[in-house]
Amino acid sequence: MILLKMALECSPISDSKEDLQKSLDVISVWSDTWEMKENAKKFGIMGIGTDWPNNSTIQSQAIVRADS
């Protein structure tokens, strides 16, 4: 399972790296549609039971690994 940390919330979002990026792409499209800018510095990715993805992006901004 891969978790996406956004600000103070922690949300399970995907069971695979590929599905995680697809979900982030959906968030990006929604944000672009409503002319909102996501701040990738407030995101973090943590892998549980798997390697964490090291190349995920939101609105073309890299998301870094979250410390456990």
PDB file of N, CA and C in Angstrom:
ATOM      1  N   MET A   1       0.845  -1.170   0.000  1.00  0.00           N
ATOM      2  CA  MET A   1       0.000   0.000   0.000  1.00  0.00           C
ATOM      3  C   MET A   1       0.889   1.231   0.000  1.00  0.00           C
ATOM      4  N   ILE A   2       0.486   2.227  -0.732  1.00  0.00           N
ATOM      5  CA  ILE A   2       1.218   3.479  -0.796  1.00  0.00           C
ATOM      6  C   ILE A   2       0.340   4.567  -0.194  1.00  0.00           C
ATOM      7  N   LEU A   3       0.922   5.359   0.689  1.00  0.00           N
ATOM      8  CA  LEU A   3       0.193   6.455   1.315  1.00  0.00           C
ATOM      9  C   LEU A   3       0.644   7.771   0.724  1.00  0.00           C
ATOM     10  N   LEU A   4      -0.274   8.676   0.595  1.00  0.00           N
ATOM     11  CA  LEU A   4       0.034  10.026   0.156  1.00  0.00           C
ATOM     12  C   LEU A   4      -0.250  10.946   1.326  1.00  0.00           C
ATOM     13  N   LYS A   5       0.770  11.643   1.794  1.00  0.00           N
ATOM     14  CA  LYS A   5       0.590  12.583   2.896  1.00  0.00           C
ATOM     15  C   LYS A   5       0.378  13.968   2.320  1.00  0.00           C
ATOM     16  N   MET A   6      -0.718  14.598   2.697  1.00  0.00           N
ATOM     17  CA  MET A   6      -1.031  15.943   2.250  1.00  0.00           C
ATOM     18  C   MET A   6      -1.216  16.797   3.495  1.00  0.00           C
ATOM     19  N   ALA A   7      -0.316  17.746   3.692  1.00  0.00           N
ATOM     20  CA  ALA A   7      -0.348  18.629   4.864  1.00  0.00           C
ATOM     21  C   ALA A   7      -0.423  17.773   6.120  1.00  0.00           C
ATOM     22  N   LEU A   8      -1.493  17.869   6.883  1.00  0.00           N
ATOM     23  CA  LEU A   8      -1.587  17.125   8.138  1.00  0.00           C
ATOM     24  C   LEU A   8      -2.384  15.836   7.996  1.00  0.00           C
ATOM     25  N   GLU A   9      -2.859  15.527   6.815  1.00  0.00           N
ATOM     26  CA  GLU A   9      -3.654  14.327   6.602  1.00  0.00           C
ATOM     27  C   GLU A   9      -2.798  13.230   5.981  1.00  0.00           C
ATOM     28  N   CYS A  10      -3.199  12.004   6.208  1.00  0.00           N
ATOM     29  CA  CYS A  10      -2.512  10.863   5.620  1.00  0.00           C
ATOM     30  C   CYS A  10      -3.579   9.972   5.007  1.00  0.00           C
ATOM     31  N   SER A  11      -3.511   9.757   3.717  1.00  0.00           N
ATOM     32  CA  SER A  11      -4.568   9.041   3.011  1.00  0.00           C
ATOM     33  C   SER A  11      -4.018   7.876   2.218  1.00  0.00           C
ATOM     34  N   PRO A  12      -4.539   6.648   2.450  1.00  0.00           N
ATOM     35  CA  PRO A  12      -4.162   5.556   1.554  1.00  0.00           C
ATOM     36  C   PRO A  12      -4.762   5.851   0.188  1.00  0.00           C
ATOM     37  N   ILE A  13      -3.938   5.801  -0.819  1.00  0.00           N
ATOM     38  CA  ILE A  13      -4.421   6.214  -2.131  1.00  0.00           C
ATOM     39  C   ILE A  13      -4.207   5.159  -3.206  1.00  0.00           C
ATOM     40  N   SER A  14      -3.308   4.194  -2.987  1.00  0.00           N
ATOM     41  CA  SER A  14      -3.001   3.275  -4.071  1.00  0.00           C
ATOM     42  C   SER A  14      -2.320   2.010  -3.571  1.00  0.00           C
ATOM     43  N   ASP A  15      -2.486   0.951  -4.352  1.00  0.00           N
ATOM     44  CA  ASP A  15      -1.786  -0.301  -4.085  1.00  0.00           C
ATOM     45  C   ASP A  15      -0.610  -0.506  -5.024  1.00  0.00           C
ATOM     46  N   SER A  16      -0.403   0.429  -5.958  1.00  0.00           N
ATOM     47  CA  SER A  16       0.730   0.309  -6.878  1.00  0.00           C
ATOM     48  C   SER A  16       1.246   1.698  -7.248  1.00  0.00           C
ATOM     49  N   LYS A  17       2.485   1.748  -7.680  1.00  0.00           N
ATOM     50  CA  LYS A  17       3.101   3.015  -8.091  1.00  0.00           C
ATOM     51  C   LYS A  17       2.357   3.624  -9.273  1.00  0.00           C
ATOM     52  N   GLU A  18       1.945   2.763 -10.177  1.00  0.00           N
ATOM     53  CA  GLU A  18       1.253   3.240 -11.380  1.00  0.00           C
ATOM     54  C   GLU A  18      -0.094   3.851 -11.029  1.00  0.00           C
ATOM     55  N   ASP A  19      -0.856   3.168 -10.152  1.00  0.00           N
ATOM     56  CA  ASP A  19      -2.158   3.698  -9.743  1.00  0.00           C
ATOM     57  C   ASP A  19      -2.002   4.996  -8.958  1.00  0.00           C
ATOM     58  N   LEU A  20      -0.926   5.100  -8.172  1.00  0.00           N
ATOM     59  CA  LEU A  20      -0.663   6.333  -7.443  1.00  0.00           C
ATOM     60  C   LEU A  20      -0.499   7.494  -8.411  1.00  0.00           C
ATOM     61  N   GLN A  21       0.320   7.326  -9.458  1.00  0.00           N
ATOM     62  CA  GLN A  21       0.530   8.408 -10.411  1.00  0.00           C
ATOM     63  C   GLN A  21      -0.759   8.742 -11.151  1.00  0.00           C
ATOM     64  N   LYS A  22      -1.570   7.730 -11.469  1.00  0.00           N
ATOM     65  CA  LYS A  22      -2.858   7.999 -12.123  1.00  0.00           C
ATOM     66  C   LYS A  22      -3.738   8.863 -11.222  1.00  0.00           C
ATOM     67  N   SER A  23      -3.754   8.557  -9.925  1.00  0.00           N
ATOM     68  CA  SER A  23      -4.549   9.352  -8.980  1.00  0.00           C
ATOM     69  C   SER A  23      -4.018  10.774  -8.886  1.00  0.00           C
ATOM     70  N   LEU A  24      -2.693  10.919  -8.859  1.00  0.00           N
ATOM     71  CA  LEU A  24      -2.101  12.253  -8.817  1.00  0.00           C
ATOM     72  C   LEU A  24      -2.414  13.026 -10.093  1.00  0.00           C
ATOM     73  N   ASP A  25      -2.465  12.339 -11.220  1.00  0.00           N
ATOM     74  CA  ASP A  25      -2.818  12.988 -12.486  1.00  0.00           C
ATOM     75  C   ASP A  25      -4.261  13.495 -12.451  1.00  0.00           C
ATOM     76  N   VAL A  26      -5.154  12.720 -11.842  1.00  0.00           N
ATOM     77  CA  VAL A  26      -6.558  13.148 -11.707  1.00  0.00           C
ATOM     78  C   VAL A  26      -6.639  14.402 -10.837  1.00  0.00           C
ATOM     79  N   ILE A  27      -5.886  14.409  -9.726  1.00  0.00           N
ATOM     80  CA  ILE A  27      -5.851  15.594  -8.865  1.00  0.00           C
ATOM     81  C   ILE A  27      -5.304  16.793  -9.648  1.00  0.00           C
ATOM     82  N   SER A  28      -4.280  16.565 -10.450  1.00  0.00           N
ATOM     83  CA  SER A  28      -3.690  17.645 -11.254  1.00  0.00           C
ATOM     84  C   SER A  28      -4.695  18.219 -12.242  1.00  0.00           C
ATOM     85  N   VAL A  29      -5.425  17.354 -12.930  1.00  0.00           N
ATOM     86  CA  VAL A  29      -6.421  17.815 -13.907  1.00  0.00           C
ATOM     87  C   VAL A  29      -7.513  18.616 -13.206  1.00  0.00           C
ATOM     88  N   TRP A  30      -7.987  18.105 -12.063  1.00  0.00           N
ATOM     89  CA  TRP A  30      -9.022  18.809 -11.305  1.00  0.00           C
ATOM     90  C   TRP A  30      -8.504  20.183 -10.879  1.00  0.00           C
ATOM     91  N   SER A  31      -7.286  20.233 -10.357  1.00  0.00           N
ATOM     92  CA  SER A  31      -6.698  21.498  -9.904  1.00  0.00           C
ATOM     93  C   SER A  31      -6.519  22.477 -11.059  1.00  0.00           C
ATOM     94  N   ASP A  32      -6.062  21.969 -12.199  1.00  0.00           N
ATOM     95  CA  ASP A  32      -5.900  22.823 -13.381  1.00  0.00           C
ATOM     96  C   ASP A  32      -7.244  23.369 -13.846  1.00  0.00           C
ATOM     97  N   THR A  33      -8.261  22.517 -13.837  1.00  0.00           N
ATOM     98  CA  THR A  33      -9.600  22.925 -14.270  1.00  0.00           C
ATOM     99  C   THR A  33     -10.125  24.079 -13.419  1.00  0.00           C
ATOM    100  N   TRP A  34      -9.889  24.013 -12.125  1.00  0.00           N
ATOM    101  CA  TRP A  34     -10.374  25.038 -11.199  1.00  0.00           C
ATOM    102  C   TRP A  34      -9.309  26.105 -10.907  1.00  0.00           C
ATOM    103  N   GLU A  35      -8.249  26.104 -11.734  1.00  0.00           N
ATOM    104  CA  GLU A  35      -7.178  27.089 -11.641  1.00  0.00           C
ATOM    105  C   GLU A  35      -6.592  27.186 -10.234  1.00  0.00           C
ATOM    106  N   MET A  36      -6.351  26.012  -9.665  1.00  0.00           N
ATOM    107  CA  MET A  36      -5.727  25.921  -8.343  1.00  0.00           C
ATOM    108  C   MET A  36      -4.317  25.367  -8.502  1.00  0.00           C
ATOM    109  N   LYS A  37      -3.395  25.860  -7.733  1.00  0.00           N
ATOM    110  CA  LYS A  37      -2.026  25.382  -7.779  1.00  0.00           C
ATOM    111  C   LYS A  37      -1.760  24.523  -6.548  1.00  0.00           C
ATOM    112  N   GLU A  38      -1.325  23.298  -6.783  1.00  0.00           N
ATOM    113  CA  GLU A  38      -0.940  22.403  -5.692  1.00  0.00           C
ATOM    114  C   GLU A  38       0.490  22.733  -5.274  1.00  0.00           C
ATOM    115  N   ASN A  39       0.775  22.594  -4.011  1.00  0.00           N
ATOM    116  CA  ASN A  39       2.115  22.826  -3.486  1.00  0.00           C
ATOM    117  C   ASN A  39       2.732  21.468  -3.161  1.00  0.00           C
ATOM    118  N   ALA A  40       3.592  20.983  -4.030  1.00  0.00           N
ATOM    119  CA  ALA A  40       4.178  19.647  -3.857  1.00  0.00           C
ATOM    120  C   ALA A  40       4.982  19.537  -2.565  1.00  0.00           C
ATOM    121  N   LYS A  41       5.421  20.669  -2.009  1.00  0.00           N
ATOM    122  CA  LYS A  41       6.159  20.638  -0.749  1.00  0.00           C
ATOM    123  C   LYS A  41       5.293  20.172   0.408  1.00  0.00           C
ATOM    124  N   LYS A  42       3.972  20.225   0.234  1.00  0.00           N
ATOM    125  CA  LYS A  42       3.057  19.780   1.274  1.00  0.00           C
ATOM    126  C   LYS A  42       2.623  18.328   1.077  1.00  0.00           C
ATOM    127  N   PHE A  43       3.166  17.679   0.061  1.00  0.00           N
ATOM    128  CA  PHE A  43       2.871  16.283  -0.210  1.00  0.00           C
ATOM    129  C   PHE A  43       4.069  15.435   0.192  1.00  0.00           C
ATOM    130  N   GLY A  44       3.824  14.197   0.525  1.00  0.00           N
ATOM    131  CA  GLY A  44       4.894  13.244   0.777  1.00  0.00           C
ATOM    132  C   GLY A  44       4.375  11.851   0.474  1.00  0.00           C
ATOM    133  N   ILE A  45       5.236  10.985   0.019  1.00  0.00           N
ATOM    134  CA  ILE A  45       4.836   9.622  -0.324  1.00  0.00           C
ATOM    135  C   ILE A  45       5.568   8.650   0.577  1.00  0.00           C
ATOM    136  N   MET A  46       4.807   7.716   1.126  1.00  0.00           N
ATOM    137  CA  MET A  46       5.374   6.703   2.002  1.00  0.00           C
ATOM    138  C   MET A  46       4.869   5.339   1.551  1.00  0.00           C
ATOM    139  N   GLY A  47       5.786   4.437   1.263  1.00  0.00           N
ATOM    140  CA  GLY A  47       5.412   3.086   0.874  1.00  0.00           C
ATOM    141  C   GLY A  47       5.359   2.181   2.097  1.00  0.00           C
ATOM    142  N   ILE A  48       4.317   1.407   2.199  1.00  0.00           N
ATOM    143  CA  ILE A  48       4.187   0.429   3.280  1.00  0.00           C
ATOM    144  C   ILE A  48       4.169  -0.944   2.628  1.00  0.00           C
ATOM    145  N   GLY A  49       5.182  -1.735   2.938  1.00  0.00           N
ATOM    146  CA  GLY A  49       5.269  -3.071   2.353  1.00  0.00           C
ATOM    147  C   GLY A  49       5.718  -3.063   0.905  1.00  0.00           C
ATOM    148  N   THR A  50       6.238  -1.948   0.448  1.00  0.00           N
ATOM    149  CA  THR A  50       6.699  -1.830  -0.936  1.00  0.00           C
ATOM    150  C   THR A  50       7.736  -0.715  -1.019  1.00  0.00           C
ATOM    151  N   ASP A  51       8.471  -0.679  -2.084  1.00  0.00           N
ATOM    152  CA  ASP A  51       9.384   0.438  -2.304  1.00  0.00           C
ATOM    153  C   ASP A  51       8.568   1.685  -2.613  1.00  0.00           C
ATOM    154  N   TRP A  52       8.997   2.799  -2.090  1.00  0.00           N
ATOM    155  CA  TRP A  52       8.279   4.039  -2.373  1.00  0.00           C
ATOM    156  C   TRP A  52       8.645   4.531  -3.764  1.00  0.00           C
ATOM    157  N   PRO A  53       7.688   5.110  -4.458  1.00  0.00           N
ATOM    158  CA  PRO A  53       7.990   5.651  -5.781  1.00  0.00           C
ATOM    159  C   PRO A  53       8.849   6.897  -5.642  1.00  0.00           C
ATOM    160  N   ASN A  54       9.823   7.041  -6.510  1.00  0.00           N
ATOM    161  CA  ASN A  54      10.719   8.190  -6.409  1.00  0.00           C
ATOM    162  C   ASN A  54      10.569   9.153  -7.577  1.00  0.00           C
ATOM    163  N   ASN A  55       9.530   8.980  -8.362  1.00  0.00           N
ATOM    164  CA  ASN A  55       9.368   9.871  -9.504  1.00  0.00           C
ATOM    165  C   ASN A  55       7.921  10.326  -9.687  1.00  0.00           C
ATOM    166  N   SER A  56       7.161  10.363  -8.595  1.00  0.00           N
ATOM    167  CA  SER A  56       5.774  10.812  -8.686  1.00  0.00           C
ATOM    168  C   SER A  56       5.724  12.331  -8.756  1.00  0.00           C
ATOM    169  N   THR A  57       4.731  12.826  -9.484  1.00  0.00           N
ATOM    170  CA  THR A  57       4.585  14.269  -9.652  1.00  0.00           C
ATOM    171  C   THR A  57       3.130  14.679  -9.502  1.00  0.00           C
ATOM    172  N   ILE A  58       2.942  15.939  -9.157  1.00  0.00           N
ATOM    173  CA  ILE A  58       1.622  16.563  -9.189  1.00  0.00           C
ATOM    174  C   ILE A  58       1.798  17.928  -9.835  1.00  0.00           C
ATOM    175  N   GLN A  59       1.016  18.209 -10.855  1.00  0.00           N
ATOM    176  CA  GLN A  59       1.142  19.436 -11.641  1.00  0.00           C
ATOM    177  C   GLN A  59       2.602  19.674 -12.036  1.00  0.00           C
ATOM    178  N   SER A  60       3.256  18.632 -12.489  1.00  0.00           N
ATOM    179  CA  SER A  60       4.651  18.662 -12.966  1.00  0.00           C
ATOM    180  C   SER A  60       5.671  18.997 -11.877  1.00  0.00           C
ATOM    181  N   GLN A  61       5.280  18.904 -10.616  1.00  0.00           N
ATOM    182  CA  GLN A  61       6.193  19.125  -9.494  1.00  0.00           C
ATOM    183  C   GLN A  61       6.511  17.778  -8.853  1.00  0.00           C
ATOM    184  N   ALA A  62       7.767  17.547  -8.547  1.00  0.00           N
ATOM    185  CA  ALA A  62       8.173  16.286  -7.919  1.00  0.00           C
ATOM    186  C   ALA A  62       7.656  16.227  -6.475  1.00  0.00           C
ATOM    187  N   ILE A  63       7.209  15.037  -6.077  1.00  0.00           N
ATOM    188  CA  ILE A  63       6.779  14.784  -4.691  1.00  0.00           C
ATOM    189  C   ILE A  63       7.873  13.957  -4.033  1.00  0.00           C
ATOM    190  N   VAL A  64       8.301  14.386  -2.869  1.00  0.00           N
ATOM    191  CA  VAL A  64       9.404  13.717  -2.187  1.00  0.00           C
ATOM    192  C   VAL A  64       8.893  12.629  -1.234  1.00  0.00           C
ATOM    193  N   ARG A  65       9.814  11.785  -0.829  1.00  0.00           N
ATOM    194  CA  ARG A  65       9.518  10.714   0.110  1.00  0.00           C
ATOM    195  C   ARG A  65       9.235  11.319   1.484  1.00  0.00           C
ATOM    196  N   ALA A  66       8.214  10.810   2.133  1.00  0.00           N
ATOM    197  CA  ALA A  66       7.880  11.244   3.492  1.00  0.00           C
ATOM    198  C   ALA A  66       8.619  10.367   4.498  1.00  0.00           C
ATOM    199  N   ASP A  67       9.182  10.979   5.509  1.00  0.00           N
ATOM    200  CA  ASP A  67       9.827  10.207   6.562  1.00  0.00           C
ATOM    201  C   ASP A  67       8.769   9.539   7.410  1.00  0.00           C
ATOM    202  N   SER A  68       9.089   8.333   7.863  1.00  0.00           N
ATOM    203  CA  SER A  68       8.118   7.607   8.691  1.00  0.00           C
ATOM    204  C   SER A  68       8.155   8.075  10.119  1.00  0.00           C
TER     205      SER A  68
END
